[in-house]
Amino acid sequence: MLLSKAWASFEADKRIEGFSPQTLKAYRLQSLLLIDYFKDIEMKLLDTNQLKEYLAISGKHL
């Protein structure tokens, strides 16, 4: 599943669960940053180490 498709599915689930529009907006921003970094690749191609690297790099901006 592409990252963008995973986001769409996740967002739909959270909307049904009643998450606030502000929370969904924040989640969307984070998903866009993740997709920008990795491109819209298949999720099965990502591993834990790649995600840790992304979090370490993105955390430097906080």
C-alpha atoms as a PDB file:
ATOM      1  CA  MET A   1       0.000   0.000   0.000  1.00  0.00           C
ATOM      2  CA  LEU A   2       1.320   3.445  -0.895  1.00  0.00           C
ATOM      3  CA  LEU A   3       1.915   5.888   1.944  1.00  0.00           C
ATOM      4  CA  SER A   4      -0.756   8.195   0.506  1.00  0.00           C
ATOM      5  CA  LYS A   5      -3.324   5.376   0.457  1.00  0.00           C
ATOM      6  CA  ALA A   6      -2.402   4.396   4.011  1.00  0.00           C
ATOM      7  CA  TRP A   7      -2.940   7.994   5.093  1.00  0.00           C
ATOM      8  CA  ALA A   8      -6.353   8.151   3.395  1.00  0.00           C
ATOM      9  CA  SER A   9      -7.435   4.962   5.153  1.00  0.00           C
ATOM     10  CA  PHE A  10      -6.073   6.124   8.519  1.00  0.00           C
ATOM     11  CA  GLU A  11      -7.758   9.523   8.175  1.00  0.00           C
ATOM     12  CA  ALA A  12     -11.112   7.933   7.341  1.00  0.00           C
ATOM     13  CA  ASP A  13     -10.871   5.671  10.398  1.00  0.00           C
ATOM     14  CA  LYS A  14      -9.988   8.551  12.708  1.00  0.00           C
ATOM     15  CA  ARG A  15     -12.753  10.740  11.281  1.00  0.00           C
ATOM     16  CA  ILE A  16     -15.267   7.950  12.016  1.00  0.00           C
ATOM     17  CA  GLU A  17     -13.826   7.648  15.533  1.00  0.00           C
ATOM     18  CA  GLY A  18     -14.592  11.332  16.065  1.00  0.00           C
ATOM     19  CA  PHE A  19     -11.126  12.862  16.062  1.00  0.00           C
ATOM     20  CA  SER A  20     -11.252  16.649  15.924  1.00  0.00           C
ATOM     21  CA  PRO A  21     -10.616  18.513  12.671  1.00  0.00           C
ATOM     22  CA  GLN A  22      -7.569  20.143  14.277  1.00  0.00           C
ATOM     23  CA  THR A  23      -6.084  16.769  15.201  1.00  0.00           C
ATOM     24  CA  LEU A  24      -6.702  15.432  11.698  1.00  0.00           C
ATOM     25  CA  LYS A  25      -5.095  18.542  10.233  1.00  0.00           C
ATOM     26  CA  ALA A  26      -1.987  18.000  12.386  1.00  0.00           C
ATOM     27  CA  TYR A  27      -1.857  14.327  11.409  1.00  0.00           C
ATOM     28  CA  ARG A  28      -2.212  15.292   7.731  1.00  0.00           C
ATOM     29  CA  LEU A  29       0.721  17.681   8.005  1.00  0.00           C
ATOM     30  CA  GLN A  30       2.859  14.935   9.516  1.00  0.00           C
ATOM     31  CA  SER A  31       1.811  12.493   6.803  1.00  0.00           C
ATOM     32  CA  LEU A  32       2.720  15.012   4.096  1.00  0.00           C
ATOM     33  CA  LEU A  33       6.149  15.530   5.648  1.00  0.00           C
ATOM     34  CA  LEU A  34       6.686  11.772   5.790  1.00  0.00           C
ATOM     35  CA  ILE A  35       5.613  11.347   2.164  1.00  0.00           C
ATOM     36  CA  ASP A  36       7.810  14.259   1.116  1.00  0.00           C
ATOM     37  CA  TYR A  37      10.808  12.601   2.762  1.00  0.00           C
ATOM     38  CA  PHE A  38      10.267   9.041   1.494  1.00  0.00           C
ATOM     39  CA  LYS A  39       8.188   9.890  -1.581  1.00  0.00           C
ATOM     40  CA  ASP A  40       4.928   8.010  -2.087  1.00  0.00           C
ATOM     41  CA  ILE A  41       6.454   4.555  -1.791  1.00  0.00           C
ATOM     42  CA  GLU A  42       4.973   1.227  -0.824  1.00  0.00           C
ATOM     43  CA  MET A  43       4.823   0.876   2.949  1.00  0.00           C
ATOM     44  CA  LYS A  44       6.331  -2.615   2.773  1.00  0.00           C
ATOM     45  CA  LEU A  45       9.558  -1.037   1.508  1.00  0.00           C
ATOM     46  CA  LEU A  46      10.024   0.934   4.756  1.00  0.00           C
ATOM     47  CA  ASP A  47      11.784  -0.584   7.714  1.00  0.00           C
ATOM     48  CA  THR A  48      12.212   0.445  11.319  1.00  0.00           C
ATOM     49  CA  ASN A  49      15.692   1.862  10.787  1.00  0.00           C
ATOM     50  CA  GLN A  50      14.499   4.146   7.987  1.00  0.00           C
ATOM     51  CA  LEU A  51      11.686   5.446  10.179  1.00  0.00           C
ATOM     52  CA  LYS A  52      14.099   6.014  13.079  1.00  0.00           C
ATOM     53  CA  GLU A  53      16.385   7.969  10.751  1.00  0.00           C
ATOM     54  CA  TYR A  54      13.450  10.081   9.574  1.00  0.00           C
ATOM     55  CA  LEU A  55      12.371  10.813  13.147  1.00  0.00           C
ATOM     56  CA  ALA A  56      15.921  11.742  14.166  1.00  0.00           C
ATOM     57  CA  ILE A  57      16.277  14.139  11.241  1.00  0.00           C
ATOM     58  CA  SER A  58      12.819  15.668  11.565  1.00  0.00           C
ATOM     59  CA  GLY A  59      13.243  16.032  15.337  1.00  0.00           C
ATOM     60  CA  LYS A  60      16.236  18.333  14.873  1.00  0.00           C
ATOM     61  CA  HIS A  61      13.863  21.061  13.699  1.00  0.00           C
ATOM     62  CA  LEU A  62      11.894  21.128  16.954  1.00  0.00           C
END
